[in-house]
C-alpha atoms as a PDB file:
ATOM      1  CA  MET A   1      51.731  68.437  64.357  1.00  0.00           C
ATOM      2  CA  LYS A   2      53.475  65.135  65.065  1.00  0.00           C
ATOM      3  CA  VAL A   3      56.406  65.382  67.488  1.00  0.00           C
ATOM      4  CA  VAL A   4      59.259  62.915  67.876  1.00  0.00           C
ATOM      5  CA  VAL A   5      61.885  63.085  70.614  1.00  0.00           C
ATOM      6  CA  ILE A   6      65.367  61.851  69.706  1.00  0.00           C
ATOM      7  CA  VAL A   7      67.792  60.880  72.473  1.00  0.00           C
ATOM      8  CA  ALA A   8      71.373  59.981  71.590  1.00  0.00           C
ATOM      9  CA  THR A   9      73.013  58.148  74.476  1.00  0.00           C
ATOM     10  CA  PHE A  10      76.186  56.344  75.516  1.00  0.00           C
ATOM     11  CA  GLY A  11      76.608  54.427  78.748  1.00  0.00           C
ATOM     12  CA  ARG A  12      73.704  56.034  80.602  1.00  0.00           C
ATOM     13  CA  THR A  13      70.870  53.521  80.758  1.00  0.00           C
ATOM     14  CA  GLU A  14      69.625  54.857  84.107  1.00  0.00           C
ATOM     15  CA  GLN A  15      69.400  58.400  82.771  1.00  0.00           C
ATOM     16  CA  VAL A  16      67.513  57.236  79.683  1.00  0.00           C
ATOM     17  CA  ALA A  17      65.018  55.295  81.816  1.00  0.00           C
ATOM     18  CA  ARG A  18      64.411  58.340  84.004  1.00  0.00           C
ATOM     19  CA  LEU A  19      63.990  60.611  80.979  1.00  0.00           C
ATOM     20  CA  LEU A  20      61.409  58.255  79.460  1.00  0.00           C
ATOM     21  CA  ALA A  21      59.489  58.262  82.742  1.00  0.00           C
ATOM     22  CA  GLN A  22      59.626  62.060  82.801  1.00  0.00           C
ATOM     23  CA  LEU A  23      58.318  62.239  79.239  1.00  0.00           C
ATOM     24  CA  GLU A  24      55.222  60.326  80.377  1.00  0.00           C
ATOM     25  CA  ARG A  25      54.398  63.376  82.489  1.00  0.00           C
ATOM     26  CA  GLN A  26      54.190  65.665  79.461  1.00  0.00           C
ATOM     27  CA  THR A  27      50.858  67.442  79.045  1.00  0.00           C
ATOM     28  CA  ARG A  28      51.364  66.815  75.339  1.00  0.00           C
ATOM     29  CA  LEU A  29      52.885  63.349  74.927  1.00  0.00           C
ATOM     30  CA  PRO A  30      55.431  62.771  72.156  1.00  0.00           C
ATOM     31  CA  ASP A  31      54.088  60.839  69.191  1.00  0.00           C
ATOM     32  CA  ALA A  32      57.252  58.732  69.356  1.00  0.00           C
ATOM     33  CA  VAL A  33      60.680  58.555  70.973  1.00  0.00           C
ATOM     34  CA  ILE A  34      63.766  57.304  69.147  1.00  0.00           C
ATOM     35  CA  ILE A  35      66.804  56.273  71.190  1.00  0.00           C
ATOM     36  CA  SER A  36      70.072  56.176  69.278  1.00  0.00           C
ATOM     37  CA  ALA A  37      72.889  54.165  70.840  1.00  0.00           C
ATOM     38  CA  PRO A  38      75.932  52.136  69.740  1.00  0.00           C
ATOM     39  CA  ASP A  39      74.242  48.868  70.745  1.00  0.00           C
ATOM     40  CA  THR A  40      71.688  47.326  73.102  1.00  0.00           C
ATOM     41  CA  ASN A  41      74.035  47.587  76.098  1.00  0.00           C
ATOM     42  CA  HIS A  42      73.386  51.339  76.206  1.00  0.00           C
ATOM     43  CA  VAL A  43      69.577  51.284  76.485  1.00  0.00           C
ATOM     44  CA  PRO A  44      67.268  50.167  79.324  1.00  0.00           C
ATOM     45  CA  ASN A  45      65.654  46.748  79.290  1.00  0.00           C
ATOM     46  CA  ASN A  46      61.889  46.249  79.124  1.00  0.00           C
ATOM     47  CA  ILE A  47      60.897  49.724  77.965  1.00  0.00           C
ATOM     48  CA  ALA A  48      57.142  50.259  78.436  1.00  0.00           C
ATOM     49  CA  CYS A  49      55.709  53.738  77.801  1.00  0.00           C
ATOM     50  CA  ARG A  50      52.423  55.353  76.785  1.00  0.00           C
ATOM     51  CA  PHE A  51      54.058  56.357  73.492  1.00  0.00           C
ATOM     52  CA  PRO A  52      56.019  54.298  70.946  1.00  0.00           C
ATOM     53  CA  VAL A  53      59.728  53.922  71.727  1.00  0.00           C
ATOM     54  CA  SER A  54      62.151  52.548  69.155  1.00  0.00           C
ATOM     55  CA  CYS A  55      65.911  52.183  69.109  1.00  0.00           C
ATOM     56  CA  VAL A  56      68.481  52.579  66.361  1.00  0.00           C
ATOM     57  CA  PHE A  57      71.979  51.165  66.689  1.00  0.00           C
ATOM     58  CA  GLY A  58      75.282  50.995  64.914  1.00  0.00           C
ATOM     59  CA  LYS A  59      77.027  54.344  65.357  1.00  0.00           C
ATOM     60  CA  THR A  60      79.090  55.940  68.124  1.00  0.00           C
ATOM     61  CA  GLY A  61      79.461  59.674  68.614  1.00  0.00           C
ATOM     62  CA  LEU A  62      76.823  62.341  69.139  1.00  0.00           C
ATOM     63  CA  PRO A  63      76.569  63.720  65.574  1.00  0.00           C
ATOM     64  CA  ALA A  64      76.565  60.249  64.004  1.00  0.00           C
ATOM     65  CA  GLN A  65      73.973  58.934  66.464  1.00  0.00           C
ATOM     66  CA  ARG A  66      71.720  61.914  65.886  1.00  0.00           C
ATOM     67  CA  ASN A  67      72.026  61.456  62.135  1.00  0.00           C
ATOM     68  CA  ILE A  68      70.993  57.807  62.115  1.00  0.00           C
ATOM     69  CA  ALA A  69      67.873  58.754  64.090  1.00  0.00           C
ATOM     70  CA  LEU A  70      67.214  61.735  61.795  1.00  0.00           C
ATOM     71  CA  ASP A  71      67.296  59.455  58.777  1.00  0.00           C
ATOM     72  CA  VAL A  72      64.448  57.472  60.326  1.00  0.00           C
ATOM     73  CA  ALA A  73      62.415  60.428  61.581  1.00  0.00           C
ATOM     74  CA  VAL A  74      62.713  63.350  59.184  1.00  0.00           C
ATOM     75  CA  ASP A  75      59.988  62.266  56.744  1.00  0.00           C
ATOM     76  CA  ARG A  76      57.572  60.922  59.373  1.00  0.00           C
ATOM     77  CA  PHE A  77      57.206  63.801  61.821  1.00  0.00           C
ATOM     78  CA  ASP A  78      56.595  67.552  61.775  1.00  0.00           C
ATOM     79  CA  ILE A  79      58.743  68.491  64.758  1.00  0.00           C
ATOM     80  CA  ILE A  80      61.980  66.831  65.812  1.00  0.00           C
ATOM     81  CA  THR A  81      63.049  67.496  69.388  1.00  0.00           C
ATOM     82  CA  PHE A  82      66.531  66.571  70.562  1.00  0.00           C
ATOM     83  CA  PHE A  83      67.052  65.997  74.286  1.00  0.00           C
ATOM     84  CA  ASP A  84      70.302  65.046  75.955  1.00  0.00           C
ATOM     85  CA  ASP A  85      69.784  61.977  78.110  1.00  0.00           C
ATOM     86  CA  ASP A  86      70.480  64.128  81.198  1.00  0.00           C
ATOM     87  CA  PHE A  87      67.985  66.879  80.361  1.00  0.00           C
ATOM     88  CA  ILE A  88      64.748  67.128  82.369  1.00  0.00           C
ATOM     89  CA  PRO A  89      61.990  68.932  80.461  1.00  0.00           C
ATOM     90  CA  ALA A  90      59.210  70.733  82.300  1.00  0.00           C
ATOM     91  CA  ASP A  91      55.874  68.933  82.029  1.00  0.00           C
ATOM     92  CA  ASP A  92      54.566  71.420  79.452  1.00  0.00           C
ATOM     93  CA  TYR A  93      57.744  71.479  77.353  1.00  0.00           C
ATOM     94  CA  LEU A  94      56.432  69.650  74.276  1.00  0.00           C
ATOM     95  CA  ASP A  95      53.127  71.494  74.454  1.00  0.00           C
ATOM     96  CA  GLY A  96      55.038  74.773  74.330  1.00  0.00           C
ATOM     97  CA  VAL A  97      57.133  73.596  71.387  1.00  0.00           C
ATOM     98  CA  SER A  98      54.055  72.469  69.439  1.00  0.00           C
ATOM     99  CA  ARG A  99      52.297  75.782  70.028  1.00  0.00           C
ATOM    100  CA  ALA A 100      55.368  77.758  69.015  1.00  0.00           C
ATOM    101  CA  PHE A 101      55.748  76.029  65.669  1.00  0.00           C
ATOM    102  CA  MET A 102      52.030  76.167  64.908  1.00  0.00           C
ATOM    103  CA  GLN A 103      51.851  79.893  65.644  1.00  0.00           C
ATOM    104  CA  GLN A 104      55.122  80.883  63.965  1.00  0.00           C
ATOM    105  CA  PRO A 105      55.479  79.278  60.510  1.00  0.00           C
ATOM    106  CA  ASP A 106      58.826  81.004  59.874  1.00  0.00           C
ATOM    107  CA  TRP A 107      60.512  79.478  62.928  1.00  0.00           C
ATOM    108  CA  ALA A 108      63.020  76.747  62.037  1.00  0.00           C
ATOM    109  CA  VAL A 109      64.487  76.019  65.479  1.00  0.00           C
ATOM    110  CA  VAL A 110      63.227  76.486  69.027  1.00  0.00           C
ATOM    111  CA  THR A 111      65.513  76.128  72.026  1.00  0.00           C
ATOM    112  CA  GLY A 112      64.252  76.290  75.594  1.00  0.00           C
ATOM    113  CA  ASN A 113      65.240  78.113  78.756  1.00  0.00           C
ATOM    114  CA  VAL A 114      67.763  76.064  80.765  1.00  0.00           C
ATOM    115  CA  LEU A 115      66.907  76.957  84.352  1.00  0.00           C
ATOM    116  CA  LYS A 116      70.034  75.300  85.739  1.00  0.00           C
ATOM    117  CA  ASP A 117      72.952  73.837  83.822  1.00  0.00           C
ATOM    118  CA  GLY A 118      75.078  71.234  85.555  1.00  0.00           C
ATOM    119  CA  ALA A 119      77.460  71.205  82.585  1.00  0.00           C
ATOM    120  CA  THR A 120      79.030  74.379  84.018  1.00  0.00           C
ATOM    121  CA  THR A 121      79.373  72.933  87.538  1.00  0.00           C
ATOM    122  CA  ALA A 122      80.043  69.599  89.208  1.00  0.00           C
ATOM    123  CA  GLY A 123      76.684  68.472  87.887  1.00  0.00           C
ATOM    124  CA  LEU A 124      73.217  68.104  89.367  1.00  0.00           C
ATOM    125  CA  THR A 125      71.401  65.084  90.716  1.00  0.00           C
ATOM    126  CA  TRP A 126      68.032  64.092  89.305  1.00  0.00           C
ATOM    127  CA  GLU A 127      66.375  65.214  92.528  1.00  0.00           C
ATOM    128  CA  GLU A 128      68.057  68.638  92.328  1.00  0.00           C
ATOM    129  CA  GLY A 129      66.847  69.013  88.757  1.00  0.00           C
ATOM    130  CA  ILE A 130      63.247  68.190  89.675  1.00  0.00           C
ATOM    131  CA  GLN A 131      63.423  70.622  92.606  1.00  0.00           C
ATOM    132  CA  ALA A 132      64.691  73.396  90.315  1.00  0.00           C
ATOM    133  CA  LEU A 133      61.677  72.873  88.067  1.00  0.00           C
ATOM    134  CA  ARG A 134      59.307  73.006  91.043  1.00  0.00           C
ATOM    135  CA  GLU A 135      60.846  76.208  92.362  1.00  0.00           C
ATOM    136  CA  ALA A 136      60.664  77.914  88.968  1.00  0.00           C
ATOM    137  CA  GLY A 137      56.884  78.153  89.131  1.00  0.00           C
ATOM    138  CA  THR A 138      54.834  78.995  86.053  1.00  0.00           C
ATOM    139  CA  ALA A 139      56.259  80.919  83.110  1.00  0.00           C
ATOM    140  CA  THR A 140      54.086  82.805  80.645  1.00  0.00           C
ATOM    141  CA  GLU A 141      56.612  84.660  78.455  1.00  0.00           C
ATOM    142  CA  ALA A 142      56.357  82.931  75.062  1.00  0.00           C
ATOM    143  CA  ARG A 143      58.086  85.565  72.957  1.00  0.00           C
ATOM    144  CA  GLY A 144      60.896  84.238  70.783  1.00  0.00           C
ATOM    145  CA  VAL A 145      64.342  85.845  70.955  1.00  0.00           C
ATOM    146  CA  ASP A 146      66.529  85.291  67.902  1.00  0.00           C
ATOM    147  CA  GLN A 147      69.737  83.332  68.436  1.00  0.00           C
ATOM    148  CA  LEU A 148      72.841  82.463  66.431  1.00  0.00           C
ATOM    149  CA  SER A 149      72.211  78.804  67.288  1.00  0.00           C
ATOM    150  CA  ALA A 150      70.432  76.476  69.703  1.00  0.00           C
ATOM    151  CA  TYR A 151      71.737  74.660  72.775  1.00  0.00           C
ATOM    152  CA  GLY A 152      71.971  70.975  71.878  1.00  0.00           C
ATOM    153  CA  CYS A 153      70.734  69.627  75.228  1.00  0.00           C
ATOM    154  CA  ASN A 154      67.246  70.783  74.220  1.00  0.00           C
ATOM    155  CA  MET A 155      66.387  71.911  70.719  1.00  0.00           C
ATOM    156  CA  SER A 156      63.402  71.386  68.438  1.00  0.00           C
ATOM    157  CA  ILE A 157      63.428  71.688  64.662  1.00  0.00           C
ATOM    158  CA  ARG A 158      60.722  71.998  62.039  1.00  0.00           C
ATOM    159  CA  ALA A 159      61.274  68.811  60.037  1.00  0.00           C
ATOM    160  CA  ALA A 160      60.225  70.380  56.724  1.00  0.00           C
ATOM    161  CA  PHE A 161      63.197  72.754  56.961  1.00  0.00           C
ATOM    162  CA  ILE A 162      65.783  70.014  57.510  1.00  0.00           C
ATOM    163  CA  GLY A 163      65.752  68.275  54.135  1.00  0.00           C
ATOM    164  CA  GLY A 164      69.131  66.665  53.572  1.00  0.00           C
ATOM    165  CA  LEU A 165      70.900  68.697  56.235  1.00  0.00           C
ATOM    166  CA  ARG A 166      72.703  66.549  58.802  1.00  0.00           C
ATOM    167  CA  PHE A 167      75.057  66.919  61.749  1.00  0.00           C
ATOM    168  CA  ASP A 168      78.721  67.082  60.759  1.00  0.00           C
ATOM    169  CA  GLU A 169      80.199  63.679  61.577  1.00  0.00           C
ATOM    170  CA  ARG A 170      83.748  65.057  61.407  1.00  0.00           C
ATOM    171  CA  LEU A 171      82.921  66.430  64.885  1.00  0.00           C
ATOM    172  CA  VAL A 172      83.439  62.986  66.358  1.00  0.00           C
ATOM    173  CA  LEU A 173      82.605  61.482  69.760  1.00  0.00           C
ATOM    174  CA  TYR A 174      81.154  64.189  72.043  1.00  0.00           C
ATOM    175  CA  GLY A 175      80.767  66.388  68.956  1.00  0.00           C
ATOM    176  CA  TRP A 176      81.559  69.651  70.724  1.00  0.00           C
ATOM    177  CA  GLN A 177      79.777  72.571  68.960  1.00  0.00           C
ATOM    178  CA  GLU A 178      77.866  70.252  66.629  1.00  0.00           C
ATOM    179  CA  ASP A 179      74.645  71.929  67.800  1.00  0.00           C
ATOM    180  CA  VAL A 180      75.974  75.370  66.869  1.00  0.00           C
ATOM    181  CA  ASP A 181      77.037  74.160  63.428  1.00  0.00           C
ATOM    182  CA  PHE A 182      73.758  72.397  62.635  1.00  0.00           C
ATOM    183  CA  THR A 183      71.298  74.994  63.881  1.00  0.00           C
ATOM    184  CA  SER A 184      73.219  78.015  62.601  1.00  0.00           C
ATOM    185  CA  ARG A 185      73.013  76.513  59.105  1.00  0.00           C
ATOM    186  CA  LEU A 186      69.229  76.303  59.557  1.00  0.00           C
ATOM    187  CA  ARG A 187      69.068  80.090  59.913  1.00  0.00           C
ATOM    188  CA  ALA A 188      69.123  80.263  56.117  1.00  0.00           C
ATOM    189  CA  ARG A 189      65.739  78.462  56.159  1.00  0.00           C
ATOM    190  CA  GLY A 190      63.986  80.089  59.120  1.00  0.00           C
ATOM    191  CA  ARG A 191      64.428  81.801  62.469  1.00  0.00           C
ATOM    192  CA  VAL A 192      66.344  80.217  65.341  1.00  0.00           C
ATOM    193  CA  VAL A 193      64.736  81.377  68.582  1.00  0.00           C
ATOM    194  CA  ALA A 194      64.876  80.869  72.333  1.00  0.00           C
ATOM    195  CA  VAL A 195      61.594  80.827  74.246  1.00  0.00           C
ATOM    196  CA  GLN A 196      61.717  81.522  77.988  1.00  0.00           C
ATOM    197  CA  SER A 197      58.466  79.714  78.785  1.00  0.00           C
ATOM    198  CA  ILE A 198      59.777  76.418  77.343  1.00  0.00           C
ATOM    199  CA  ARG A 199      61.925  75.215  80.196  1.00  0.00           C
ATOM    200  CA  GLY A 200      64.052  72.435  81.578  1.00  0.00           C
ATOM    201  CA  VAL A 201      67.139  71.540  83.578  1.00  0.00           C
ATOM    202  CA  HIS A 202      70.393  70.122  82.206  1.00  0.00           C
ATOM    203  CA  LEU A 203      71.990  67.882  84.815  1.00  0.00           C
ATOM    204  CA  GLY A 204      75.446  67.823  83.226  1.00  0.00           C
ATOM    205  CA  VAL A 205      76.141  64.194  84.153  1.00  0.00           C
ATOM    206  CA  LYS A 206      79.875  63.575  83.803  1.00  0.00           C
ATOM    207  CA  SER A 207      79.817  59.879  82.884  1.00  0.00           C
ATOM    208  CA  GLY A 208      80.105  59.041  79.211  1.00  0.00           C
ATOM    209  CA  ARG A 209      82.217  62.104  78.398  1.00  0.00           C
ATOM    210  CA  VAL A 210      85.490  62.036  76.483  1.00  0.00           C
ATOM    211  CA  SER A 211      88.895  62.400  78.184  1.00  0.00           C
ATOM    212  CA  GLY A 212      90.258  65.789  79.193  1.00  0.00           C
ATOM    213  CA  VAL A 213      92.944  65.769  76.508  1.00  0.00           C
ATOM    214  CA  ARG A 214      90.458  64.862  73.783  1.00  0.00           C
ATOM    215  CA  PHE A 215      87.967  67.471  74.940  1.00  0.00           C
ATOM    216  CA  GLY A 216      90.706  70.108  75.133  1.00  0.00           C
ATOM    217  CA  TYR A 217      91.742  69.321  71.588  1.00  0.00           C
ATOM    218  CA  SER A 218      88.133  69.759  70.441  1.00  0.00           C
ATOM    219  CA  GLN A 219      87.900  73.105  72.278  1.00  0.00           C
ATOM    220  CA  VAL A 220      90.414  74.501  69.786  1.00  0.00           C
ATOM    221  CA  ALA A 221      90.120  72.333  66.683  1.00  0.00           C
ATOM    222  CA  ASN A 222      86.321  72.375  66.403  1.00  0.00           C
ATOM    223  CA  PRO A 223      85.846  76.187  66.468  1.00  0.00           C
ATOM    224  CA  ILE A 224      88.661  76.662  63.950  1.00  0.00           C
ATOM    225  CA  TYR A 225      87.117  74.021  61.709  1.00  0.00           C
ATOM    226  CA  LEU A 226      83.667  75.631  61.929  1.00  0.00           C
ATOM    227  CA  ILE A 227      85.086  79.104  61.268  1.00  0.00           C
ATOM    228  CA  ARG A 228      86.710  77.780  58.107  1.00  0.00           C
ATOM    229  CA  LYS A 229      83.490  75.994  57.220  1.00  0.00           C
ATOM    230  CA  GLY A 230      81.547  79.244  57.590  1.00  0.00           C
ATOM    231  CA  SER A 231      78.936  78.119  60.127  1.00  0.00           C
ATOM    232  CA  VAL A 232      80.474  80.068  63.032  1.00  0.00           C
ATOM    233  CA  PRO A 233      81.461  83.753  62.684  1.00  0.00           C
ATOM    234  CA  LEU A 234      85.161  84.454  63.220  1.00  0.00           C
ATOM    235  CA  PRO A 235      84.753  86.723  66.316  1.00  0.00           C
ATOM    236  CA  ILE A 236      82.455  84.243  68.074  1.00  0.00           C
ATOM    237  CA  GLY A 237      84.656  81.246  67.310  1.00  0.00           C
ATOM    238  CA  LEU A 238      87.829  82.984  68.472  1.00  0.00           C
ATOM    239  CA  LYS A 239      86.125  84.262  71.637  1.00  0.00           C
ATOM    240  CA  LEU A 240      84.887  80.773  72.500  1.00  0.00           C
ATOM    241  CA  MET A 241      88.284  79.201  71.865  1.00  0.00           C
ATOM    242  CA  SER A 242      90.276  81.818  73.804  1.00  0.00           C
ATOM    243  CA  LYS A 243      87.839  81.763  76.738  1.00  0.00           C
ATOM    244  CA  ASN A 244      88.305  78.023  77.215  1.00  0.00           C
ATOM    245  CA  LEU A 245      92.067  78.191  76.686  1.00  0.00           C
ATOM    246  CA  LEU A 246      92.469  80.937  79.295  1.00  0.00           C
ATOM    247  CA  ALA A 247      90.195  79.122  81.765  1.00  0.00           C
ATOM    248  CA  ASN A 248      92.186  75.903  81.425  1.00  0.00           C
ATOM    249  CA  LEU A 249      95.461  77.796  81.807  1.00  0.00           C
ATOM    250  CA  ALA A 250      94.300  79.742  84.855  1.00  0.00           C
ATOM    251  CA  ARG A 251      92.786  76.736  86.641  1.00  0.00           C
ATOM    252  CA  SER A 252      95.470  74.182  85.764  1.00  0.00           C
ATOM    253  CA  LEU A 253      97.330  74.826  89.049  1.00  0.00           C
ATOM    254  CA  TRP A 254      94.185  74.514  91.216  1.00  0.00           C
ATOM    255  CA  PRO A 255      91.737  72.548  89.071  1.00  0.00           C
ATOM    256  CA  GLU A 256      88.166  71.738  90.022  1.00  0.00           C
ATOM    257  CA  SER A 257      87.692  68.159  91.171  1.00  0.00           C
ATOM    258  CA  TYR A 258      85.232  67.490  88.343  1.00  0.00           C
ATOM    259  CA  ILE A 259      87.267  68.943  85.438  1.00  0.00           C
ATOM    260  CA  ASP A 260      90.565  67.637  84.072  1.00  0.00           C
ATOM    261  CA  ARG A 261      91.967  71.123  83.482  1.00  0.00           C
ATOM    262  CA  ARG A 262      95.530  69.924  82.866  1.00  0.00           C
ATOM    263  CA  GLY A 263      94.341  67.350  80.349  1.00  0.00           C
ATOM    264  CA  ARG A 264      92.249  69.972  78.593  1.00  0.00           C
ATOM    265  CA  LEU A 265      95.193  72.369  78.510  1.00  0.00           C
ATOM    266  CA  ARG A 266      97.412  69.691  76.957  1.00  0.00           C
ATOM    267  CA  GLY A 267      94.723  69.097  74.362  1.00  0.00           C
ATOM    268  CA  ASN A 268      94.420  72.852  73.707  1.00  0.00           C
ATOM    269  CA  LEU A 269      98.159  73.186  73.129  1.00  0.00           C
ATOM    270  CA  LEU A 270      98.300  70.117  70.899  1.00  0.00           C
ATOM    271  CA  ALA A 271      95.491  71.482  68.733  1.00  0.00           C
ATOM    272  CA  LEU A 272      97.163  74.909  68.540  1.00  0.00           C
ATOM    273  CA  SER A 273     100.374  73.267  67.355  1.00  0.00           C
ATOM    274  CA  HIS A 274      98.416  71.446  64.646  1.00  0.00           C
ATOM    275  CA  VAL A 275      96.591  74.620  63.588  1.00  0.00           C
ATOM    276  CA  ALA A 276      99.925  76.457  63.357  1.00  0.00           C
ATOM    277  CA  ARG A 277     101.045  73.813  60.856  1.00  0.00           C
ATOM    278  CA  GLY A 278      97.814  74.141  58.869  1.00  0.00           C
ATOM    279  CA  ARG A 279      96.287  70.937  60.198  1.00  0.00           C
ATOM    280  CA  VAL A 280      92.619  71.343  61.177  1.00  0.00           C
ATOM    281  CA  GLU A 281      91.185  67.888  61.818  1.00  0.00           C
ATOM    282  CA  PRO A 282      88.491  67.527  64.523  1.00  0.00           C
ATOM    283  CA  GLU A 283      88.610  63.760  64.070  1.00  0.00           C
ATOM    284  CA  TYR A 284      92.230  63.632  65.243  1.00  0.00           C
ATOM    285  CA  ILE A 285      90.930  63.019  68.775  1.00  0.00           C
ATOM    286  CA  LEU A 286      90.320  59.427  67.726  1.00  0.00           C
ATOM    287  CA  GLU A 287      94.122  59.030  67.618  1.00  0.00           C
ATOM    288  CA  ILE A 288      94.691  60.475  71.106  1.00  0.00           C
END
């Protein structure tokens, strides 16, 4: 099975270069890597790898950048793996993905085991991520556990099941919950599973993210939009939204140094005021 890795990136050339170097360590090399960026300023110079690397340009925003790469890849490869530019896959990651899809023809999506996730903390350095992989040792549990959706920092999809399905570009910029929307819709075509033995570390690099107010708006507007769309169940969407709202409210007086809690809270409240008036527009963050 031919495997392509797609990396959508913005303003993180160093991270992309390090990820490409890490991919050269894979026991099963990718058949190709596609980097999707707004323009050439967002990709490393002089890329030289043991596998083909191509770039696609012209769009900004995670869903849109993933879509332009999907348009190129979907008919040429059997497995499409999406990595965030700050995700470090274990050396046997792609080998595990290939085996999983070959052995389980009804699996549509495979998401790996994130050993550490810097997105929930101040973030991890590259060295800390590599050390976490070393300390994890060898994993043998390859059983798939069904999921509502995959985690977008590392998810692989059987290309034959994608067809004309694309990421929702109304979830602009950072595209919060775009992974949930896309992969939950794939459950109608096959199983969405997590596999513990397919592992990696998400560094959670903070550069390239949207502002606190914009992100806070998305924390409310995006779940409501996806509930209305039908790709996220009502209880799960409301739980996600209320959890973030309460966290921003509680921490706004003593915020973490790495999170703009007050900005997020302002964004939450602005989105709630819009929802109360019947306005559900994820793309409104472009006007903030």
